Amino acid sequence: MPPDLKVGRFYGEDHDKNQKTLERLRLHIQSKGLRSGDLESIINHCKRDSNTLENLLPVASELTNEHFKSWSRIVHFVNNIAKSTISVEQDVMDIIQNIKRFDNASYKKGLYVGAKSV
């Protein structure tokens, strides 16, 4: 991947930058696809970490409804990839979209490092 598609830190102060970078990454995958080595790496990663991500669903449910919905979708698409049942590239793009959604929910609620107390 080109260096400009690397997502930075998920701190609130980087929210806008991360949202734009995630969208550029999603569009890059949509237009250029993923290399076979990247696909294999993603599949292996999802197989290895799908249970861990699923175990975090109760934590996401304690945040907000938007957090829970986006995390549920992330888990769904990770499980699809782990089972190799659907298009990996489309699932990766859907995961990126839901990461953006989760990050937006955190930003709007001030649930991030450095957030000001209301």
PDB file of N, CA and C in Angstrom:
ATOM      1  N   MET A   1       0.835  -1.186   0.000  1.00  0.00           N
ATOM      2  CA  MET A   1       0.000   0.000   0.000  1.00  0.00           C
ATOM      3  C   MET A   1       0.883   1.254   0.000  1.00  0.00           C
ATOM      4  N   PRO A   2       0.433   2.253  -0.690  1.00  0.00           N
ATOM      5  CA  PRO A   2       1.182   3.514  -0.659  1.00  0.00           C
ATOM      6  C   PRO A   2       1.228   4.082   0.763  1.00  0.00           C
ATOM      7  N   PRO A   3       2.331   4.748   1.109  1.00  0.00           N
ATOM      8  CA  PRO A   3       2.485   5.281   2.480  1.00  0.00           C
ATOM      9  C   PRO A   3       1.384   6.251   2.897  1.00  0.00           C
ATOM     10  N   ASP A   4       0.795   6.980   1.965  1.00  0.00           N
ATOM     11  CA  ASP A   4      -0.246   7.941   2.324  1.00  0.00           C
ATOM     12  C   ASP A   4      -1.552   7.266   2.748  1.00  0.00           C
ATOM     13  N   LEU A   5      -1.621   5.941   2.622  1.00  0.00           N
ATOM     14  CA  LEU A   5      -2.812   5.206   3.032  1.00  0.00           C
ATOM     15  C   LEU A   5      -2.665   4.593   4.420  1.00  0.00           C
ATOM     16  N   LYS A   6      -1.552   4.856   5.067  1.00  0.00           N
ATOM     17  CA  LYS A   6      -1.331   4.336   6.414  1.00  0.00           C
ATOM     18  C   LYS A   6      -2.118   5.183   7.419  1.00  0.00           C
ATOM     19  N   VAL A   7      -2.973   4.518   8.167  1.00  0.00           N
ATOM     20  CA  VAL A   7      -3.786   5.212   9.163  1.00  0.00           C
ATOM     21  C   VAL A   7      -2.923   5.475  10.383  1.00  0.00           C
ATOM     22  N   GLY A   8      -3.051   6.666  10.930  1.00  0.00           N
ATOM     23  CA  GLY A   8      -2.250   7.072  12.086  1.00  0.00           C
ATOM     24  C   GLY A   8      -2.805   6.556  13.393  1.00  0.00           C
ATOM     25  N   ARG A   9      -2.657   7.370  14.392  1.00  0.00           N
ATOM     26  CA  ARG A   9      -3.134   7.018  15.730  1.00  0.00           C
ATOM     27  C   ARG A   9      -4.635   7.279  15.794  1.00  0.00           C
ATOM     28  N   PHE A  10      -5.336   6.473  16.554  1.00  0.00           N
ATOM     29  CA  PHE A  10      -6.773   6.696  16.708  1.00  0.00           C
ATOM     30  C   PHE A  10      -7.033   7.532  17.948  1.00  0.00           C
ATOM     31  N   TYR A  11      -6.474   8.752  17.938  1.00  0.00           N
ATOM     32  CA  TYR A  11      -6.752   9.744  18.967  1.00  0.00           C
ATOM     33  C   TYR A  11      -7.726  10.743  18.383  1.00  0.00           C
ATOM     34  N   GLY A  12      -8.513  11.352  19.239  1.00  0.00           N
ATOM     35  CA  GLY A  12      -9.488  12.329  18.789  1.00  0.00           C
ATOM     36  C   GLY A  12      -8.889  13.454  17.980  1.00  0.00           C
ATOM     37  N   GLU A  13      -7.696  13.862  18.333  1.00  0.00           N
ATOM     38  CA  GLU A  13      -7.063  14.969  17.603  1.00  0.00           C
ATOM     39  C   GLU A  13      -6.739  14.586  16.164  1.00  0.00           C
ATOM     40  N   ASP A  14      -6.680  13.293  15.866  1.00  0.00           N
ATOM     41  CA  ASP A  14      -6.394  12.813  14.513  1.00  0.00           C
ATOM     42  C   ASP A  14      -7.653  12.328  13.795  1.00  0.00           C
ATOM     43  N   HIS A  15      -8.807  12.578  14.390  1.00  0.00           N
ATOM     44  CA  HIS A  15     -10.057  12.029  13.868  1.00  0.00           C
ATOM     45  C   HIS A  15     -10.275  12.358  12.385  1.00  0.00           C
ATOM     46  N   ASP A  16     -10.249  13.618  12.030  1.00  0.00           N
ATOM     47  CA  ASP A  16     -10.526  14.007  10.638  1.00  0.00           C
ATOM     48  C   ASP A  16      -9.521  13.385   9.674  1.00  0.00           C
ATOM     49  N   LYS A  17      -8.265  13.410  10.048  1.00  0.00           N
ATOM     50  CA  LYS A  17      -7.210  12.823   9.208  1.00  0.00           C
ATOM     51  C   LYS A  17      -7.451  11.320   9.036  1.00  0.00           C
ATOM     52  N   ASN A  18      -7.760  10.629  10.122  1.00  0.00           N
ATOM     53  CA  ASN A  18      -7.995   9.188  10.043  1.00  0.00           C
ATOM     54  C   ASN A  18      -9.211   8.860   9.188  1.00  0.00           C
ATOM     55  N   GLN A  19     -10.278   9.639   9.332  1.00  0.00           N
ATOM     56  CA  GLN A  19     -11.474   9.406   8.522  1.00  0.00           C
ATOM     57  C   GLN A  19     -11.145   9.530   7.030  1.00  0.00           C
ATOM     58  N   LYS A  20     -10.389  10.545   6.673  1.00  0.00           N
ATOM     59  CA  LYS A  20     -10.018  10.754   5.268  1.00  0.00           C
ATOM     60  C   LYS A  20      -9.093   9.642   4.774  1.00  0.00           C
ATOM     61  N   THR A  21      -8.148   9.246   5.609  1.00  0.00           N
ATOM     62  CA  THR A  21      -7.213   8.185   5.206  1.00  0.00           C
ATOM     63  C   THR A  21      -7.938   6.851   5.055  1.00  0.00           C
ATOM     64  N   LEU A  22      -8.839   6.543   5.972  1.00  0.00           N
ATOM     65  CA  LEU A  22      -9.610   5.303   5.855  1.00  0.00           C
ATOM     66  C   LEU A  22     -10.438   5.296   4.573  1.00  0.00           C
ATOM     67  N   GLU A  23     -11.019   6.428   4.245  1.00  0.00           N
ATOM     68  CA  GLU A  23     -11.819   6.498   3.016  1.00  0.00           C
ATOM     69  C   GLU A  23     -10.926   6.339   1.790  1.00  0.00           C
ATOM     70  N   ARG A  24      -9.749   6.968   1.779  1.00  0.00           N
ATOM     71  CA  ARG A  24      -8.816   6.791   0.657  1.00  0.00           C
ATOM     72  C   ARG A  24      -8.382   5.328   0.544  1.00  0.00           C
ATOM     73  N   LEU A  25      -8.153   4.673   1.681  1.00  0.00           N
ATOM     74  CA  LEU A  25      -7.776   3.261   1.690  1.00  0.00           C
ATOM     75  C   LEU A  25      -8.901   2.406   1.103  1.00  0.00           C
ATOM     76  N   ARG A  26     -10.123   2.669   1.518  1.00  0.00           N
ATOM     77  CA  ARG A  26     -11.277   1.921   1.009  1.00  0.00           C
ATOM     78  C   ARG A  26     -11.412   2.104  -0.507  1.00  0.00           C
ATOM     79  N   LEU A  27     -11.275   3.335  -0.968  1.00  0.00           N
ATOM     80  CA  LEU A  27     -11.384   3.613  -2.402  1.00  0.00           C
ATOM     81  C   LEU A  27     -10.225   2.994  -3.191  1.00  0.00           C
ATOM     82  N   HIS A  28      -9.035   2.972  -2.589  1.00  0.00           N
ATOM     83  CA  HIS A  28      -7.877   2.341  -3.221  1.00  0.00           C
ATOM     84  C   HIS A  28      -8.145   0.845  -3.426  1.00  0.00           C
ATOM     85  N   ILE A  29      -8.652   0.193  -2.415  1.00  0.00           N
ATOM     86  CA  ILE A  29      -8.955  -1.241  -2.518  1.00  0.00           C
ATOM     87  C   ILE A  29     -10.052  -1.469  -3.550  1.00  0.00           C
ATOM     88  N   GLN A  30     -11.045  -0.600  -3.537  1.00  0.00           N
ATOM     89  CA  GLN A  30     -12.150  -0.725  -4.485  1.00  0.00           C
ATOM     90  C   GLN A  30     -11.658  -0.608  -5.932  1.00  0.00           C
ATOM     91  N   SER A  31     -10.748   0.309  -6.187  1.00  0.00           N
ATOM     92  CA  SER A  31     -10.304   0.536  -7.561  1.00  0.00           C
ATOM     93  C   SER A  31      -9.147  -0.374  -7.992  1.00  0.00           C
ATOM     94  N   LYS A  32      -8.253  -0.686  -7.081  1.00  0.00           N
ATOM     95  CA  LYS A  32      -7.060  -1.444  -7.458  1.00  0.00           C
ATOM     96  C   LYS A  32      -7.050  -2.879  -6.923  1.00  0.00           C
ATOM     97  N   GLY A  33      -7.915  -3.167  -5.960  1.00  0.00           N
ATOM     98  CA  GLY A  33      -7.931  -4.508  -5.379  1.00  0.00           C
ATOM     99  C   GLY A  33      -6.779  -4.714  -4.413  1.00  0.00           C
ATOM    100  N   LEU A  34      -6.648  -5.938  -3.960  1.00  0.00           N
ATOM    101  CA  LEU A  34      -5.579  -6.326  -3.034  1.00  0.00           C
ATOM    102  C   LEU A  34      -4.725  -7.391  -3.698  1.00  0.00           C
ATOM    103  N   ARG A  35      -3.439  -7.372  -3.423  1.00  0.00           N
ATOM    104  CA  ARG A  35      -2.532  -8.402  -3.951  1.00  0.00           C
ATOM    105  C   ARG A  35      -2.817  -9.725  -3.255  1.00  0.00           C
ATOM    106  N   SER A  36      -2.498 -10.824  -3.909  1.00  0.00           N
ATOM    107  CA  SER A  36      -2.783 -12.148  -3.352  1.00  0.00           C
ATOM    108  C   SER A  36      -2.082 -12.361  -2.013  1.00  0.00           C
ATOM    109  N   GLY A  37      -0.858 -11.840  -1.880  1.00  0.00           N
ATOM    110  CA  GLY A  37      -0.150 -11.958  -0.600  1.00  0.00           C
ATOM    111  C   GLY A  37      -0.860 -11.200   0.508  1.00  0.00           C
ATOM    112  N   ASP A  38      -1.411 -10.032   0.166  1.00  0.00           N
ATOM    113  CA  ASP A  38      -2.169  -9.254   1.144  1.00  0.00           C
ATOM    114  C   ASP A  38      -3.452  -9.985   1.524  1.00  0.00           C
ATOM    115  N   LEU A  39      -4.121 -10.569   0.536  1.00  0.00           N
ATOM    116  CA  LEU A  39      -5.351 -11.318   0.809  1.00  0.00           C
ATOM    117  C   LEU A  39      -5.080 -12.476   1.766  1.00  0.00           C
ATOM    118  N   GLU A  40      -4.019 -13.201   1.508  1.00  0.00           N
ATOM    119  CA  GLU A  40      -3.656 -14.339   2.363  1.00  0.00           C
ATOM    120  C   GLU A  40      -3.354 -13.870   3.782  1.00  0.00           C
ATOM    121  N   SER A  41      -2.628 -12.777   3.903  1.00  0.00           N
ATOM    122  CA  SER A  41      -2.296 -12.219   5.211  1.00  0.00           C
ATOM    123  C   SER A  41      -3.563 -11.793   5.963  1.00  0.00           C
ATOM    124  N   ILE A  42      -4.486 -11.147   5.254  1.00  0.00           N
ATOM    125  CA  ILE A  42      -5.737 -10.702   5.869  1.00  0.00           C
ATOM    126  C   ILE A  42      -6.560 -11.899   6.334  1.00  0.00           C
ATOM    127  N   ILE A  43      -6.659 -12.915   5.494  1.00  0.00           N
ATOM    128  CA  ILE A  43      -7.418 -14.119   5.866  1.00  0.00           C
ATOM    129  C   ILE A  43      -6.817 -14.764   7.111  1.00  0.00           C
ATOM    130  N   ASN A  44      -5.507 -14.912   7.142  1.00  0.00           N
ATOM    131  CA  ASN A  44      -4.845 -15.513   8.312  1.00  0.00           C
ATOM    132  C   ASN A  44      -5.060 -14.672   9.565  1.00  0.00           C
ATOM    133  N   HIS A  45      -4.958 -13.358   9.422  1.00  0.00           N
ATOM    134  CA  HIS A  45      -5.176 -12.458  10.554  1.00  0.00           C
ATOM    135  C   HIS A  45      -6.605 -12.603  11.085  1.00  0.00           C
ATOM    136  N   CYS A  46      -7.578 -12.649  10.190  1.00  0.00           N
ATOM    137  CA  CYS A  46      -8.972 -12.783  10.612  1.00  0.00           C
ATOM    138  C   CYS A  46      -9.227 -14.138  11.282  1.00  0.00           C
ATOM    139  N   LYS A  47      -8.631 -15.185  10.761  1.00  0.00           N
ATOM    140  CA  LYS A  47      -8.772 -16.504  11.390  1.00  0.00           C
ATOM    141  C   LYS A  47      -8.203 -16.486  12.807  1.00  0.00           C
ATOM    142  N   ARG A  48      -7.073 -15.830  12.967  1.00  0.00           N
ATOM    143  CA  ARG A  48      -6.387 -15.790  14.259  1.00  0.00           C
ATOM    144  C   ARG A  48      -7.129 -14.923  15.274  1.00  0.00           C
ATOM    145  N   ASP A  49      -7.693 -13.799  14.828  1.00  0.00           N
ATOM    146  CA  ASP A  49      -8.232 -12.817  15.770  1.00  0.00           C
ATOM    147  C   ASP A  49      -9.751 -12.725  15.827  1.00  0.00           C
ATOM    148  N   SER A  50     -10.461 -13.543  15.065  1.00  0.00           N
ATOM    149  CA  SER A  50     -11.919 -13.420  15.038  1.00  0.00           C
ATOM    150  C   SER A  50     -12.547 -13.645  16.419  1.00  0.00           C
ATOM    151  N   ASN A  51     -12.053 -14.621  17.178  1.00  0.00           N
ATOM    152  CA  ASN A  51     -12.621 -14.869  18.512  1.00  0.00           C
ATOM    153  C   ASN A  51     -12.365 -13.708  19.468  1.00  0.00           C
ATOM    154  N   THR A  52     -11.188 -13.133  19.395  1.00  0.00           N
ATOM    155  CA  THR A  52     -10.860 -11.990  20.257  1.00  0.00           C
ATOM    156  C   THR A  52     -11.787 -10.820  19.958  1.00  0.00           C
ATOM    157  N   LEU A  53     -11.974 -10.516  18.687  1.00  0.00           N
ATOM    158  CA  LEU A  53     -12.854  -9.409  18.311  1.00  0.00           C
ATOM    159  C   LEU A  53     -14.293  -9.686  18.737  1.00  0.00           C
ATOM    160  N   GLU A  54     -14.727 -10.922  18.581  1.00  0.00           N
ATOM    161  CA  GLU A  54     -16.080 -11.303  19.002  1.00  0.00           C
ATOM    162  C   GLU A  54     -16.246 -11.161  20.512  1.00  0.00           C
ATOM    163  N   ASN A  55     -15.205 -11.498  21.263  1.00  0.00           N
ATOM    164  CA  ASN A  55     -15.266 -11.384  22.722  1.00  0.00           C
ATOM    165  C   ASN A  55     -15.373  -9.935  23.198  1.00  0.00           C
ATOM    166  N   LEU A  56     -15.066  -8.975  22.323  1.00  0.00           N
ATOM    167  CA  LEU A  56     -15.179  -7.563  22.681  1.00  0.00           C
ATOM    168  C   LEU A  56     -16.571  -6.992  22.431  1.00  0.00           C
ATOM    169  N   LEU A  57     -17.485  -7.783  21.898  1.00  0.00           N
ATOM    170  CA  LEU A  57     -18.857  -7.307  21.675  1.00  0.00           C
ATOM    171  C   LEU A  57     -19.518  -6.792  22.953  1.00  0.00           C
ATOM    172  N   PRO A  58     -19.390  -7.488  24.090  1.00  0.00           N
ATOM    173  CA  PRO A  58     -20.005  -6.953  25.317  1.00  0.00           C
ATOM    174  C   PRO A  58     -19.439  -5.587  25.715  1.00  0.00           C
ATOM    175  N   VAL A  59     -18.160  -5.374  25.457  1.00  0.00           N
ATOM    176  CA  VAL A  59     -17.549  -4.074  25.767  1.00  0.00           C
ATOM    177  C   VAL A  59     -18.161  -2.997  24.878  1.00  0.00           C
ATOM    178  N   ALA A  60     -18.268  -3.284  23.573  1.00  0.00           N
ATOM    179  CA  ALA A  60     -18.860  -2.315  22.638  1.00  0.00           C
ATOM    180  C   ALA A  60     -20.306  -2.016  23.005  1.00  0.00           C
ATOM    181  N   SER A  61     -21.026  -3.009  23.514  1.00  0.00           N
ATOM    182  CA  SER A  61     -22.431  -2.794  23.872  1.00  0.00           C
ATOM    183  C   SER A  61     -22.577  -1.871  25.071  1.00  0.00           C
ATOM    184  N   GLU A  62     -21.537  -1.752  25.872  1.00  0.00           N
ATOM    185  CA  GLU A  62     -21.569  -0.873  27.037  1.00  0.00           C
ATOM    186  C   GLU A  62     -21.272   0.583  26.671  1.00  0.00           C
ATOM    187  N   LEU A  63     -20.812   0.830  25.462  1.00  0.00           N
ATOM    188  CA  LEU A  63     -20.489   2.199  25.045  1.00  0.00           C
ATOM    189  C   LEU A  63     -21.758   2.891  24.555  1.00  0.00           C
ATOM    190  N   THR A  64     -22.080   2.737  23.291  1.00  0.00           N
ATOM    191  CA  THR A  64     -23.309   3.306  22.740  1.00  0.00           C
ATOM    192  C   THR A  64     -23.890   2.305  21.748  1.00  0.00           C
ATOM    193  N   ASN A  65     -25.111   2.542  21.342  1.00  0.00           N
ATOM    194  CA  ASN A  65     -25.745   1.688  20.354  1.00  0.00           C
ATOM    195  C   ASN A  65     -24.968   1.718  19.038  1.00  0.00           C
ATOM    196  N   GLU A  66     -24.478   2.887  18.651  1.00  0.00           N
ATOM    197  CA  GLU A  66     -23.711   3.020  17.413  1.00  0.00           C
ATOM    198  C   GLU A  66     -22.400   2.234  17.483  1.00  0.00           C
ATOM    199  N   HIS A  67     -21.745   2.254  18.643  1.00  0.00           N
ATOM    200  CA  HIS A  67     -20.532   1.451  18.824  1.00  0.00           C
ATOM    201  C   HIS A  67     -20.858  -0.035  18.658  1.00  0.00           C
ATOM    202  N   PHE A  68     -21.918  -0.463  19.313  1.00  0.00           N
ATOM    203  CA  PHE A  68     -22.287  -1.875  19.260  1.00  0.00           C
ATOM    204  C   PHE A  68     -22.626  -2.307  17.836  1.00  0.00           C
ATOM    205  N   LYS A  69     -23.418  -1.501  17.127  1.00  0.00           N
ATOM    206  CA  LYS A  69     -23.790  -1.853  15.756  1.00  0.00           C
ATOM    207  C   LYS A  69     -22.565  -1.944  14.854  1.00  0.00           C
ATOM    208  N   SER A  70     -21.689  -0.961  14.939  1.00  0.00           N
ATOM    209  CA  SER A  70     -20.513  -0.982  14.061  1.00  0.00           C
ATOM    210  C   SER A  70     -19.580  -2.130  14.431  1.00  0.00           C
ATOM    211  N   TRP A  71     -19.385  -2.391  15.740  1.00  0.00           N
ATOM    212  CA  TRP A  71     -18.508  -3.498  16.139  1.00  0.00           C
ATOM    213  C   TRP A  71     -19.099  -4.837  15.719  1.00  0.00           C
ATOM    214  N   SER A  72     -20.420  -4.973  15.816  1.00  0.00           N
ATOM    215  CA  SER A  72     -21.087  -6.210  15.380  1.00  0.00           C
ATOM    216  C   SER A  72     -20.839  -6.455  13.899  1.00  0.00           C
ATOM    217  N   ARG A  73     -20.904  -5.393  13.104  1.00  0.00           N
ATOM    218  CA  ARG A  73     -20.662  -5.525  11.670  1.00  0.00           C
ATOM    219  C   ARG A  73     -19.196  -5.870  11.397  1.00  0.00           C
ATOM    220  N   ILE A  74     -18.285  -5.267  12.144  1.00  0.00           N
ATOM    221  CA  ILE A  74     -16.863  -5.592  11.983  1.00  0.00           C
ATOM    222  C   ILE A  74     -16.657  -7.081  12.255  1.00  0.00           C
ATOM    223  N   VAL A  75     -17.211  -7.569  13.344  1.00  0.00           N
ATOM    224  CA  VAL A  75     -17.081  -8.996  13.692  1.00  0.00           C
ATOM    225  C   VAL A  75     -17.684  -9.871  12.596  1.00  0.00           C
ATOM    226  N   HIS A  76     -18.834  -9.471  12.090  1.00  0.00           N
ATOM    227  CA  HIS A  76     -19.490 -10.234  11.020  1.00  0.00           C
ATOM    228  C   HIS A  76     -18.571 -10.371   9.807  1.00  0.00           C
ATOM    229  N   PHE A  77     -18.001  -9.253   9.360  1.00  0.00           N
ATOM    230  CA  PHE A  77     -17.162  -9.289   8.167  1.00  0.00           C
ATOM    231  C   PHE A  77     -15.832  -9.998   8.428  1.00  0.00           C
ATOM    232  N   VAL A  78     -15.282  -9.870   9.623  1.00  0.00           N
ATOM    233  CA  VAL A  78     -14.064 -10.612   9.972  1.00  0.00           C
ATOM    234  C   VAL A  78     -14.352 -12.110   9.933  1.00  0.00           C
ATOM    235  N   ASN A  79     -15.497 -12.519  10.476  1.00  0.00           N
ATOM    236  CA  ASN A  79     -15.868 -13.934  10.438  1.00  0.00           C
ATOM    237  C   ASN A  79     -16.071 -14.417   9.003  1.00  0.00           C
ATOM    238  N   ASN A  80     -16.667 -13.582   8.147  1.00  0.00           N
ATOM    239  CA  ASN A  80     -16.797 -13.949   6.730  1.00  0.00           C
ATOM    240  C   ASN A  80     -15.430 -14.224   6.124  1.00  0.00           C
ATOM    241  N   ILE A  81     -14.498 -13.336   6.394  1.00  0.00           N
ATOM    242  CA  ILE A  81     -13.151 -13.506   5.842  1.00  0.00           C
ATOM    243  C   ILE A  81     -12.498 -14.765   6.412  1.00  0.00           C
ATOM    244  N   ALA A  82     -12.644 -14.974   7.717  1.00  0.00           N
ATOM    245  CA  ALA A  82     -12.038 -16.146   8.360  1.00  0.00           C
ATOM    246  C   ALA A  82     -12.580 -17.445   7.759  1.00  0.00           C
ATOM    247  N   LYS A  83     -13.843 -17.428   7.370  1.00  0.00           N
ATOM    248  CA  LYS A  83     -14.470 -18.615   6.775  1.00  0.00           C
ATOM    249  C   LYS A  83     -14.322 -18.640   5.259  1.00  0.00           C
ATOM    250  N   SER A  84     -13.767 -17.560   4.698  1.00  0.00           N
ATOM    251  CA  SER A  84     -13.581 -17.433   3.247  1.00  0.00           C
ATOM    252  C   SER A  84     -14.877 -17.722   2.482  1.00  0.00           C
ATOM    253  N   THR A  85     -15.995 -17.141   2.983  1.00  0.00           N
ATOM    254  CA  THR A  85     -17.289 -17.433   2.366  1.00  0.00           C
ATOM    255  C   THR A  85     -17.718 -16.417   1.320  1.00  0.00           C
ATOM    256  N   ILE A  86     -17.201 -15.199   1.384  1.00  0.00           N
ATOM    257  CA  ILE A  86     -17.624 -14.125   0.483  1.00  0.00           C
ATOM    258  C   ILE A  86     -16.368 -13.404  -0.004  1.00  0.00           C
ATOM    259  N   SER A  87     -16.548 -12.438  -0.843  1.00  0.00           N
ATOM    260  CA  SER A  87     -15.432 -11.661  -1.381  1.00  0.00           C
ATOM    261  C   SER A  87     -14.639 -10.995  -0.266  1.00  0.00           C
ATOM    262  N   VAL A  88     -13.390 -11.366  -0.127  1.00  0.00           N
ATOM    263  CA  VAL A  88     -12.534 -10.801   0.915  1.00  0.00           C
ATOM    264  C   VAL A  88     -12.367  -9.302   0.711  1.00  0.00           C
ATOM    265  N   GLU A  89     -12.158  -8.879  -0.527  1.00  0.00           N
ATOM    266  CA  GLU A  89     -11.968  -7.444  -0.779  1.00  0.00           C
ATOM    267  C   GLU A  89     -13.186  -6.638  -0.351  1.00  0.00           C
ATOM    268  N   GLN A  90     -14.384  -7.114  -0.675  1.00  0.00           N
ATOM    269  CA  GLN A  90     -15.598  -6.395  -0.278  1.00  0.00           C
ATOM    270  C   GLN A  90     -15.732  -6.378   1.240  1.00  0.00           C
ATOM    271  N   ASP A  91     -15.430  -7.504   1.882  1.00  0.00           N
ATOM    272  CA  ASP A  91     -15.504  -7.556   3.345  1.00  0.00           C
ATOM    273  C   ASP A  91     -14.506  -6.604   3.985  1.00  0.00           C
ATOM    274  N   VAL A  92     -13.312  -6.492   3.422  1.00  0.00           N
ATOM    275  CA  VAL A  92     -12.307  -5.552   3.937  1.00  0.00           C
ATOM    276  C   VAL A  92     -12.826  -4.119   3.811  1.00  0.00           C
ATOM    277  N   MET A  93     -13.427  -3.798   2.675  1.00  0.00           N
ATOM    278  CA  MET A  93     -13.978  -2.450   2.502  1.00  0.00           C
ATOM    279  C   MET A  93     -15.116  -2.186   3.498  1.00  0.00           C
ATOM    280  N   ASP A  94     -15.925  -3.216   3.765  1.00  0.00           N
ATOM    281  CA  ASP A  94     -17.007  -3.073   4.752  1.00  0.00           C
ATOM    282  C   ASP A  94     -16.449  -2.906   6.168  1.00  0.00           C
ATOM    283  N   ILE A  95     -15.362  -3.603   6.473  1.00  0.00           N
ATOM    284  CA  ILE A  95     -14.713  -3.443   7.780  1.00  0.00           C
ATOM    285  C   ILE A  95     -14.201  -2.011   7.922  1.00  0.00           C
ATOM    286  N   ILE A  96     -13.553  -1.504   6.889  1.00  0.00           N
ATOM    287  CA  ILE A  96     -13.038  -0.127   6.938  1.00  0.00           C
ATOM    288  C   ILE A  96     -14.183   0.852   7.161  1.00  0.00           C
ATOM    289  N   GLN A  97     -15.294   0.661   6.462  1.00  0.00           N
ATOM    290  CA  GLN A  97     -16.450   1.549   6.622  1.00  0.00           C
ATOM    291  C   GLN A  97     -16.953   1.522   8.067  1.00  0.00           C
ATOM    292  N   ASN A  98     -16.956   0.346   8.682  1.00  0.00           N
ATOM    293  CA  ASN A  98     -17.442   0.235  10.061  1.00  0.00           C
ATOM    294  C   ASN A  98     -16.415   0.705  11.087  1.00  0.00           C
ATOM    295  N   ILE A  99     -15.142   0.653  10.749  1.00  0.00           N
ATOM    296  CA  ILE A  99     -14.129   1.275  11.613  1.00  0.00           C
ATOM    297  C   ILE A  99     -14.358   2.778  11.636  1.00  0.00           C
ATOM    298  N   LYS A 100     -14.635   3.344  10.465  1.00  0.00           N
ATOM    299  CA  LYS A 100     -14.942   4.776  10.391  1.00  0.00           C
ATOM    300  C   LYS A 100     -16.167   5.097  11.251  1.00  0.00           C
ATOM    301  N   ARG A 101     -17.177   4.262  11.148  1.00  0.00           N
ATOM    302  CA  ARG A 101     -18.415   4.454  11.916  1.00  0.00           C
ATOM    303  C   ARG A 101     -18.145   4.384  13.416  1.00  0.00           C
ATOM    304  N   PHE A 102     -17.368   3.393  13.853  1.00  0.00           N
ATOM    305  CA  PHE A 102     -17.022   3.232  15.271  1.00  0.00           C
ATOM    306  C   PHE A 102     -16.225   4.442  15.751  1.00  0.00           C
ATOM    307  N   ASP A 103     -15.248   4.867  14.942  1.00  0.00           N
ATOM    308  CA  ASP A 103     -14.422   6.017  15.299  1.00  0.00           C
ATOM    309  C   ASP A 103     -15.262   7.296  15.381  1.00  0.00           C
ATOM    310  N   ASN A 104     -16.198   7.462  14.473  1.00  0.00           N
ATOM    311  CA  ASN A 104     -17.096   8.617  14.521  1.00  0.00           C
ATOM    312  C   ASN A 104     -17.920   8.617  15.804  1.00  0.00           C
ATOM    313  N   ALA A 105     -18.411   7.457  16.190  1.00  0.00           N
ATOM    314  CA  ALA A 105     -19.205   7.360  17.419  1.00  0.00           C
ATOM    315  C   ALA A 105     -18.359   7.749  18.626  1.00  0.00           C
ATOM    316  N   SER A 106     -17.123   7.304  18.655  1.00  0.00           N
ATOM    317  CA  SER A 106     -16.223   7.652  19.757  1.00  0.00           C
ATOM    318  C   SER A 106     -15.936   9.145  19.779  1.00  0.00           C
ATOM    319  N   TYR A 107     -15.703   9.711  18.607  1.00  0.00           N
ATOM    320  CA  TYR A 107     -15.384  11.133  18.513  1.00  0.00           C
ATOM    321  C   TYR A 107     -16.582  11.982  18.967  1.00  0.00           C
ATOM    322  N   LYS A 108     -17.757  11.633  18.498  1.00  0.00           N
ATOM    323  CA  LYS A 108     -18.961  12.403  18.848  1.00  0.00           C
ATOM    324  C   LYS A 108     -19.267  12.354  20.336  1.00  0.00           C
ATOM    325  N   LYS A 109     -18.971  11.230  20.975  1.00  0.00           N
ATOM    326  CA  LYS A 109     -19.234  11.062  22.412  1.00  0.00           C
ATOM    327  C   LYS A 109     -18.048  11.465  23.279  1.00  0.00           C
ATOM    328  N   GLY A 110     -16.934  11.857  22.659  1.00  0.00           N
ATOM    329  CA  GLY A 110     -15.755  12.238  23.424  1.00  0.00           C
ATOM    330  C   GLY A 110     -15.110  11.064  24.147  1.00  0.00           C
ATOM    331  N   LEU A 111     -15.200   9.896  23.537  1.00  0.00           N
ATOM    332  CA  LEU A 111     -14.633   8.678  24.131  1.00  0.00           C
ATOM    333  C   LEU A 111     -13.297   8.358  23.477  1.00  0.00           C
ATOM    334  N   TYR A 112     -12.310   9.171  23.790  1.00  0.00           N
ATOM    335  CA  TYR A 112     -10.975   8.958  23.244  1.00  0.00           C
ATOM    336  C   TYR A 112      -9.964   9.639  24.131  1.00  0.00           C
ATOM    337  N   VAL A 113      -8.699   9.235  23.990  1.00  0.00           N
ATOM    338  CA  VAL A 113      -7.630   9.823  24.766  1.00  0.00           C
ATOM    339  C   VAL A 113      -7.547  11.310  24.476  1.00  0.00           C
ATOM    340  N   GLY A 114      -7.526  12.112  25.515  1.00  0.00           N
ATOM    341  CA  GLY A 114      -7.406  13.557  25.353  1.00  0.00           C
ATOM    342  C   GLY A 114      -8.724  14.293  25.213  1.00  0.00           C
ATOM    343  N   ALA A 115      -9.838  13.559  25.282  1.00  0.00           N
ATOM    344  CA  ALA A 115     -11.144  14.216  25.167  1.00  0.00           C
ATOM    345  C   ALA A 115     -11.394  15.113  26.375  1.00  0.00           C
ATOM    346  N   LYS A 116     -12.036  16.217  26.140  1.00  0.00           N
ATOM    347  CA  LYS A 116     -12.386  17.145  27.208  1.00  0.00           C
ATOM    348  C   LYS A 116     -13.657  16.651  27.904  1.00  0.00           C
ATOM    349  N   SER A 117     -13.678  16.675  29.210  1.00  0.00           N
ATOM    350  CA  SER A 117     -14.867  16.280  29.960  1.00  0.00           C
ATOM    351  C   SER A 117     -15.942  17.345  29.773  1.00  0.00           C
ATOM    352  N   VAL A 118     -17.159  16.870  29.603  1.00  0.00           N
ATOM    353  CA  VAL A 118     -18.282  17.785  29.417  1.00  0.00           C
ATOM    354  C   VAL A 118     -18.996  18.018  30.734  1.00  0.00           C
TER     355      VAL A 118
END
